[in-house]
Amino acid sequence: MAQAERGGRRSRPYLHGGLDGGDGGGGGDEAGAMSSPLASGTVTAGVASCAAALLIGLYLVLAPGPVRLPRERRHPGTDADPTTLTSATAATTALIDRMLRRHGGGSSAASALERAGLRVGVQDFILMVCAAALAAAALGFLLFGPLLGIGLALMVALVVKVGLGLLAGRRQSRFANQLDDSLQLLASSLRAGHSLLQALDSVSREADEPTAGEFSRIINETRMGRDLGLALDETGARLQSEDSLWVTQAIAINREVGRNLAEVLDGVGNTIRERNQIRRQVKALSAEGKLSAFVLMALPFGILGFLCVSNPGYVAKFTQSPIGYGLLGVAALLLIVGALWLRKVVSFKF
């Protein structure tokens, strides 16, 4: 009992100290100091959460939508519905193709397009020319009458034919100018130990157009099983290049005889280089005559256009009587004769 009373007496100051304000004030300050960092961390986490939620909301609102694949890629077997114009164009080209196959008239047009370097189908090209001719005929009929409409339609066909000839001539000229460099590259590849096909392939990869395209075609035809000599012959005939035919003959003779092909190609290349030099000299000397021919041929059309704008009644007299139509026919015939005469004068073959 005495020990319990003494223990109780000793514990009372501790209890009184804990309950009174002396030591209790210090304990309250320590608890406030410990709770203040916890409260500030909670506030910071809340602000960060609100900012993250705001950024996520802005991203969802302003972000671009998902990239959708087109229908033809999602469903390869189904095509998009064609428009009326596309369907009409496809039907017309199919009809033209059937007519060409039935009558066999598409080979010459295909050859002309190949010589000009135009990678377009024959039926598509014929459709475009027919559409341009109809548009020109309609314009001429509305402005001047049916006769001029027919003349404009025929003029479109003539312009297309002349344009194909000019494109083919420029392509052949570029091929002729590049042939000596191509032969030099071919000979260098043969000296390096490459085979003839590998040398042709290197020329097709390193040369410029149209040489690269023609040599690539030779390589592809050879890989399909065609004879190399036939492919080279067809290339020379398609480009109408005598120099290319010489190269083909030199390669064919070398394949039979077995001489050093690089030396043979060097000799042919020197000959072609000298011919190109003479060709350039002749072209420079005949440039003045060709320019005069162009001016003389364009002068009547220029005068006719000026009169149609300045005094339409003066030109309309030619379409109001049979004599006027006869004079127009005579003028057209004289223009054709003059064009052929001037072409013969300024053209040189060597």
Protein backbone atom coordinates (compact mmCIF):
# COMPACT_ATOMS: atom_id res chain seq x y z
CA MET A 1 0.00 0.00 0.00
CA ALA A 2 2.71 2.39 0.88
CA GLN A 3 4.54 1.61 -2.32
CA ALA A 4 1.35 2.19 -4.37
CA GLU A 5 0.76 5.51 -2.61
CA ARG A 6 4.32 6.58 -3.25
CA GLY A 7 4.00 5.58 -6.92
CA GLY A 8 0.75 7.47 -7.22
CA ARG A 9 2.26 10.50 -5.59
CA ARG A 10 5.19 10.38 -8.01
CA SER A 11 2.92 10.08 -11.04
CA ARG A 12 0.75 13.04 -10.16
CA PRO A 13 3.25 15.75 -11.12
CA TYR A 14 3.64 14.13 -14.47
CA LEU A 15 -0.10 14.09 -15.00
CA HIS A 16 -0.45 17.63 -13.76
CA GLY A 17 2.38 18.74 -16.03
CA GLY A 18 0.75 17.10 -19.01
CA LEU A 19 -2.62 18.61 -18.29
CA ASP A 20 -1.47 22.06 -17.23
CA GLY A 21 -0.39 24.83 -19.56
CA GLY A 22 3.36 24.84 -18.70
CA ASP A 23 4.66 21.83 -20.60
CA GLY A 24 1.44 21.40 -22.63
CA GLY A 25 2.06 24.58 -24.58
CA GLY A 26 5.38 23.25 -25.86
CA GLY A 27 3.74 19.99 -27.00
CA GLY A 28 1.03 21.91 -28.93
CA ASP A 29 3.65 23.96 -30.83
CA GLU A 30 5.53 20.84 -31.83
CA ALA A 31 2.32 19.23 -33.19
CA GLY A 32 1.48 22.40 -35.20
CA ALA A 33 4.99 22.48 -36.65
CA MET A 34 4.69 18.85 -37.70
CA SER A 35 1.24 19.30 -39.25
CA SER A 36 2.10 22.45 -41.30
CA PRO A 37 4.48 20.71 -43.84
CA LEU A 38 1.94 17.96 -44.28
CA ALA A 39 -0.78 20.49 -45.06
CA SER A 40 1.41 22.41 -47.53
CA GLY A 41 2.34 19.16 -49.34
CA THR A 42 -1.33 18.27 -49.63
CA VAL A 43 -2.12 21.67 -51.14
CA THR A 44 0.77 21.36 -53.62
CA ALA A 45 -0.37 17.91 -54.71
CA GLY A 46 -3.90 19.20 -55.21
CA VAL A 47 -2.74 22.12 -57.34
CA ALA A 48 -0.56 19.79 -59.44
CA SER A 49 -3.48 17.40 -59.92
CA CYS A 50 -5.73 20.26 -61.02
CA ALA A 51 -3.09 21.53 -63.47
CA ALA A 52 -2.58 18.03 -64.91
CA ALA A 53 -6.32 17.57 -65.32
CA LEU A 54 -6.54 20.97 -67.06
CA LEU A 55 -3.70 20.09 -69.46
CA ILE A 56 -5.25 16.72 -70.25
CA GLY A 57 -8.59 18.39 -70.97
CA LEU A 58 -6.94 20.96 -73.27
CA TYR A 59 -5.10 18.19 -75.12
CA LEU A 60 -8.29 16.21 -75.62
CA VAL A 61 -10.05 19.30 -76.95
CA LEU A 62 -7.26 20.71 -79.16
CA ALA A 63 -5.49 17.51 -80.29
CA PRO A 64 -6.07 16.46 -83.94
CA GLY A 65 -8.40 13.59 -84.59
CA PRO A 66 -7.21 10.11 -85.42
CA VAL A 67 -5.76 9.55 -88.86
CA ARG A 68 -8.27 7.56 -90.84
CA LEU A 69 -7.09 5.34 -93.66
CA PRO A 70 -8.84 5.78 -96.99
CA ARG A 71 -11.47 3.32 -97.99
CA GLU A 72 -9.39 1.64 -100.68
CA ARG A 73 -6.65 0.85 -98.15
CA ARG A 74 -9.02 -0.42 -95.45
CA HIS A 75 -10.91 -2.53 -97.98
CA PRO A 76 -8.56 -3.35 -100.88
CA GLY A 77 -11.22 -5.29 -102.74
CA THR A 78 -13.67 -2.38 -102.92
CA ASP A 79 -13.10 0.80 -104.91
CA ALA A 80 -14.62 4.20 -104.34
CA ASP A 81 -17.71 4.99 -106.35
CA PRO A 82 -16.57 6.58 -109.64
CA THR A 83 -18.07 9.84 -110.77
CA THR A 84 -20.12 10.23 -113.93
CA LEU A 85 -17.23 11.86 -115.78
CA THR A 86 -14.85 9.07 -114.78
CA SER A 87 -17.29 6.40 -115.89
CA ALA A 88 -17.90 8.13 -119.24
CA THR A 89 -14.17 8.55 -119.82
CA ALA A 90 -13.47 4.91 -119.01
CA ALA A 91 -16.25 3.72 -121.33
CA THR A 92 -15.00 5.94 -124.16
CA THR A 93 -11.39 4.80 -123.82
CA ALA A 94 -12.54 1.17 -123.73
CA LEU A 95 -14.53 1.73 -126.93
CA ILE A 96 -11.53 3.35 -128.64
CA ASP A 97 -9.32 0.47 -127.53
CA ARG A 98 -11.72 -2.11 -128.99
CA MET A 99 -11.88 -0.22 -132.28
CA LEU A 100 -8.09 -0.02 -132.49
CA ARG A 101 -7.70 -3.73 -131.81
CA ARG A 102 -10.38 -4.59 -134.35
CA HIS A 103 -8.88 -2.49 -137.14
CA GLY A 104 -5.24 -2.78 -136.06
CA GLY A 105 -4.49 0.94 -136.30
CA GLY A 106 -2.89 1.50 -132.92
CA SER A 107 0.63 0.28 -133.72
CA SER A 108 1.67 3.40 -135.63
CA ALA A 109 0.25 5.69 -132.96
CA ALA A 110 1.99 3.69 -130.23
CA SER A 111 5.29 3.93 -132.13
CA ALA A 112 4.86 7.71 -132.50
CA LEU A 113 4.21 8.07 -128.77
CA GLU A 114 7.25 5.93 -127.95
CA ARG A 115 9.48 8.00 -130.22
CA ALA A 116 8.18 11.18 -128.58
CA GLY A 117 8.78 9.76 -125.10
CA LEU A 118 5.15 10.14 -123.97
CA ARG A 119 4.13 7.48 -121.47
CA VAL A 120 0.42 7.50 -122.16
CA GLY A 121 -1.93 4.96 -123.64
CA VAL A 122 -2.94 5.24 -127.27
CA GLN A 123 -6.64 5.28 -126.44
CA ASP A 124 -6.14 8.01 -123.83
CA PHE A 125 -4.14 10.13 -126.25
CA ILE A 126 -6.73 9.75 -129.00
CA LEU A 127 -9.47 10.73 -126.55
CA MET A 128 -7.59 13.89 -125.52
CA VAL A 129 -6.97 14.86 -129.15
CA CYS A 130 -10.62 14.29 -130.06
CA ALA A 131 -11.76 16.37 -127.08
CA ALA A 132 -9.42 19.23 -128.06
CA ALA A 133 -10.61 19.07 -131.68
CA LEU A 134 -14.28 19.17 -130.65
CA ALA A 135 -13.62 22.13 -128.35
CA ALA A 136 -11.81 24.00 -131.15
CA ALA A 137 -14.60 23.19 -133.62
CA ALA A 138 -17.26 24.43 -131.21
CA LEU A 139 -15.34 27.65 -130.57
CA GLY A 140 -14.83 28.30 -134.26
CA PHE A 141 -18.48 27.54 -135.04
CA LEU A 142 -19.73 29.95 -132.37
CA LEU A 143 -17.38 32.78 -133.33
CA PHE A 144 -16.97 32.62 -137.11
CA GLY A 145 -19.07 29.83 -138.61
CA PRO A 146 -19.02 26.14 -139.47
CA LEU A 147 -16.22 26.34 -142.02
CA LEU A 148 -13.77 27.90 -139.61
CA GLY A 149 -14.84 25.41 -136.94
CA ILE A 150 -13.91 22.52 -139.20
CA GLY A 151 -10.67 24.25 -140.05
CA LEU A 152 -9.78 24.68 -136.37
CA ALA A 153 -10.52 21.01 -135.70
CA LEU A 154 -8.21 19.99 -138.54
CA MET A 155 -5.67 22.48 -137.25
CA VAL A 156 -5.67 20.76 -133.83
CA ALA A 157 -4.92 17.40 -135.47
CA LEU A 158 -2.13 18.99 -137.51
CA VAL A 159 -0.65 20.68 -134.44
CA VAL A 160 -0.68 17.38 -132.55
CA LYS A 161 1.10 15.60 -135.40
CA VAL A 162 3.70 18.35 -135.72
CA GLY A 163 4.16 18.43 -131.94
CA LEU A 164 4.80 14.70 -131.80
CA GLY A 165 7.34 15.09 -134.56
CA LEU A 166 9.11 17.90 -132.71
CA LEU A 167 9.21 15.93 -129.45
CA ALA A 168 10.56 12.88 -131.26
CA GLY A 169 13.19 14.99 -133.02
CA ARG A 170 14.36 16.56 -129.77
CA ARG A 171 14.53 13.18 -128.08
CA GLN A 172 16.52 11.70 -130.94
CA SER A 173 18.87 14.69 -130.92
CA ARG A 174 19.50 14.32 -127.17
CA PHE A 175 20.16 10.62 -127.60
CA ALA A 176 22.62 11.30 -130.44
CA ASN A 177 24.46 13.91 -128.36
CA GLN A 178 24.71 11.55 -125.38
CA LEU A 179 25.74 8.47 -127.35
CA ASP A 180 29.48 9.17 -127.45
CA ASP A 181 29.63 9.68 -123.67
CA SER A 182 27.56 6.53 -123.19
CA LEU A 183 29.98 4.54 -125.32
CA GLN A 184 32.92 5.89 -123.33
CA LEU A 185 31.23 4.82 -120.10
CA LEU A 186 30.42 1.43 -121.63
CA ALA A 187 34.04 0.90 -122.69
CA SER A 188 35.30 1.92 -119.24
CA SER A 189 32.98 -0.61 -117.58
CA LEU A 190 34.20 -3.35 -119.94
CA ARG A 191 37.82 -2.53 -119.11
CA ALA A 192 36.97 -2.79 -115.41
CA GLY A 193 36.06 -6.44 -115.97
CA HIS A 194 32.28 -6.19 -116.22
CA SER A 195 30.26 -8.19 -118.69
CA LEU A 196 28.38 -6.54 -121.52
CA LEU A 197 25.04 -6.69 -119.69
CA GLN A 198 26.59 -5.27 -116.52
CA ALA A 199 28.16 -2.45 -118.55
CA LEU A 200 24.80 -1.67 -120.18
CA ASP A 201 23.19 -1.68 -116.75
CA SER A 202 25.75 0.81 -115.45
CA VAL A 203 25.01 3.10 -118.40
CA SER A 204 21.28 2.88 -117.69
CA ARG A 205 21.89 3.91 -114.07
CA GLU A 206 24.39 6.73 -114.65
CA ALA A 207 23.37 8.26 -117.98
CA ASP A 208 20.79 10.97 -118.53
CA GLU A 209 17.46 10.67 -120.27
CA PRO A 210 16.62 9.44 -122.86
CA THR A 211 19.71 7.21 -122.89
CA ALA A 212 18.99 5.86 -119.41
CA GLY A 213 15.44 4.88 -120.32
CA GLU A 214 16.43 3.21 -123.59
CA PHE A 215 19.24 1.20 -122.02
CA SER A 216 16.97 0.22 -119.12
CA ARG A 217 14.49 -1.08 -121.65
CA ILE A 218 17.24 -3.11 -123.34
CA ILE A 219 18.23 -4.64 -119.99
CA ASN A 220 14.63 -5.50 -119.09
CA GLU A 221 13.95 -7.08 -122.47
CA THR A 222 17.14 -9.13 -122.21
CA ARG A 223 16.20 -10.35 -118.75
CA MET A 224 12.84 -11.42 -120.12
CA GLY A 225 14.63 -13.71 -122.56
CA ARG A 226 15.01 -11.58 -125.66
CA ASP A 227 18.22 -11.59 -127.65
CA LEU A 228 20.52 -8.65 -126.96
CA GLY A 229 21.16 -7.98 -130.64
CA LEU A 230 17.43 -7.75 -131.42
CA ALA A 231 16.87 -5.36 -128.49
CA LEU A 232 19.70 -3.12 -129.68
CA ASP A 233 18.40 -3.19 -133.27
CA GLU A 234 14.92 -2.20 -132.16
CA THR A 235 16.32 0.66 -130.09
CA GLY A 236 18.22 2.04 -133.07
CA ALA A 237 15.17 1.70 -135.34
CA ARG A 238 12.86 3.32 -132.78
CA LEU A 239 15.15 6.31 -132.34
CA GLN A 240 16.03 6.41 -136.07
CA SER A 241 19.69 6.79 -135.16
CA GLU A 242 22.34 5.62 -137.59
CA ASP A 243 24.97 5.94 -134.90
CA SER A 244 23.08 3.51 -132.68
CA LEU A 245 22.82 1.06 -135.57
CA TRP A 246 26.61 1.27 -135.99
CA VAL A 247 27.07 0.45 -132.32
CA THR A 248 24.71 -2.50 -132.65
CA GLN A 249 26.59 -3.83 -135.65
CA ALA A 250 29.93 -3.41 -133.88
CA ILE A 251 28.69 -5.34 -130.85
CA ALA A 252 27.20 -8.09 -133.05
CA ILE A 253 30.43 -8.47 -135.06
CA ASN A 254 32.50 -8.53 -131.88
CA ARG A 255 30.33 -11.26 -130.38
CA GLU A 256 31.04 -13.41 -133.44
CA VAL A 257 34.72 -12.55 -133.96
CA GLY A 258 35.78 -12.18 -130.34
CA ARG A 259 37.95 -9.06 -130.45
CA ASN A 260 38.43 -6.57 -127.60
CA LEU A 261 35.05 -4.86 -127.46
CA ALA A 262 36.30 -1.86 -125.46
CA GLU A 263 38.72 -0.86 -128.24
CA VAL A 264 36.00 -1.29 -130.86
CA LEU A 265 33.62 0.92 -128.89
CA ASP A 266 36.35 3.55 -128.49
CA GLY A 267 36.79 3.69 -132.26
CA VAL A 268 33.05 3.93 -132.88
CA GLY A 269 32.77 6.59 -130.18
CA ASN A 270 35.46 8.73 -131.84
CA THR A 271 33.65 8.50 -135.17
CA ILE A 272 30.34 9.45 -133.60
CA ARG A 273 31.97 12.36 -131.76
CA GLU A 274 33.34 13.77 -135.03
CA ARG A 275 29.94 13.37 -136.70
CA ASN A 276 28.29 15.24 -133.84
CA GLN A 277 30.77 18.06 -134.22
CA ILE A 278 29.98 18.38 -137.93
CA ARG A 279 26.27 18.18 -137.15
CA ARG A 280 26.52 21.07 -134.71
CA GLN A 281 28.39 23.19 -137.24
CA VAL A 282 25.76 22.58 -139.91
CA LYS A 283 23.00 23.35 -137.42
CA ALA A 284 24.63 26.65 -136.48
CA LEU A 285 25.08 27.67 -140.12
CA SER A 286 21.49 26.78 -141.06
CA ALA A 287 19.89 28.46 -138.03
CA GLU A 288 19.38 31.77 -139.86
CA GLY A 289 17.60 30.08 -142.76
CA LYS A 290 15.31 28.14 -140.41
CA LEU A 291 14.42 31.29 -138.52
CA SER A 292 13.58 33.05 -141.80
CA ALA A 293 11.38 30.11 -142.79
CA PHE A 294 9.50 30.28 -139.48
CA VAL A 295 8.92 34.02 -139.85
CA LEU A 296 7.66 33.65 -143.42
CA MET A 297 5.26 30.87 -142.43
CA ALA A 298 3.92 32.74 -139.41
CA LEU A 299 3.50 36.07 -141.23
CA PRO A 300 0.22 35.25 -143.07
CA PHE A 301 -1.41 33.93 -139.90
CA GLY A 302 -0.28 37.00 -137.98
CA ILE A 303 -1.73 39.33 -140.61
CA LEU A 304 -5.00 37.34 -140.64
CA GLY A 305 -5.30 37.56 -136.86
CA PHE A 306 -4.63 41.30 -136.90
CA LEU A 307 -7.31 41.85 -139.54
CA CYS A 308 -9.81 39.74 -137.62
CA VAL A 309 -9.32 41.97 -134.59
CA SER A 310 -9.02 45.36 -136.28
CA ASN A 311 -11.46 44.97 -139.21
CA PRO A 312 -13.61 41.81 -138.99
CA GLY A 313 -15.82 42.90 -141.91
CA TYR A 314 -12.86 42.88 -144.27
CA VAL A 315 -12.10 39.24 -143.51
CA ALA A 316 -15.78 38.24 -143.45
CA LYS A 317 -16.02 38.84 -147.21
CA PHE A 318 -14.05 35.63 -147.79
CA THR A 319 -16.80 33.54 -146.14
CA GLN A 320 -19.76 35.16 -147.91
CA SER A 321 -19.26 34.03 -151.48
CA PRO A 322 -17.88 31.04 -153.41
CA ILE A 323 -15.06 33.19 -154.74
CA GLY A 324 -13.91 33.91 -151.19
CA TYR A 325 -13.88 30.20 -150.33
CA GLY A 326 -11.91 29.51 -153.48
CA LEU A 327 -9.36 32.18 -152.59
CA LEU A 328 -8.99 30.69 -149.10
CA GLY A 329 -8.38 27.26 -150.60
CA VAL A 330 -5.77 28.66 -153.01
CA ALA A 331 -4.06 30.47 -150.12
CA ALA A 332 -3.96 27.27 -148.04
CA LEU A 333 -2.52 25.33 -150.99
CA LEU A 334 0.17 27.94 -151.58
CA LEU A 335 1.05 27.93 -147.88
CA ILE A 336 1.50 24.16 -147.95
CA VAL A 337 3.69 24.35 -151.07
CA GLY A 338 5.75 27.16 -149.53
CA ALA A 339 6.19 25.23 -146.28
CA LEU A 340 7.42 22.15 -148.11
CA TRP A 341 9.77 24.27 -150.24
CA LEU A 342 11.24 26.08 -147.24
CA ARG A 343 11.64 22.81 -145.35
CA LYS A 344 13.56 21.34 -148.25
CA VAL A 345 15.80 24.40 -148.43
CA VAL A 346 16.75 24.56 -144.74
CA SER A 347 16.97 20.79 -144.04
CA PHE A 348 20.30 19.03 -144.47
CA LYS A 349 20.90 15.30 -144.27
CA PHE A 350 24.38 13.98 -143.62
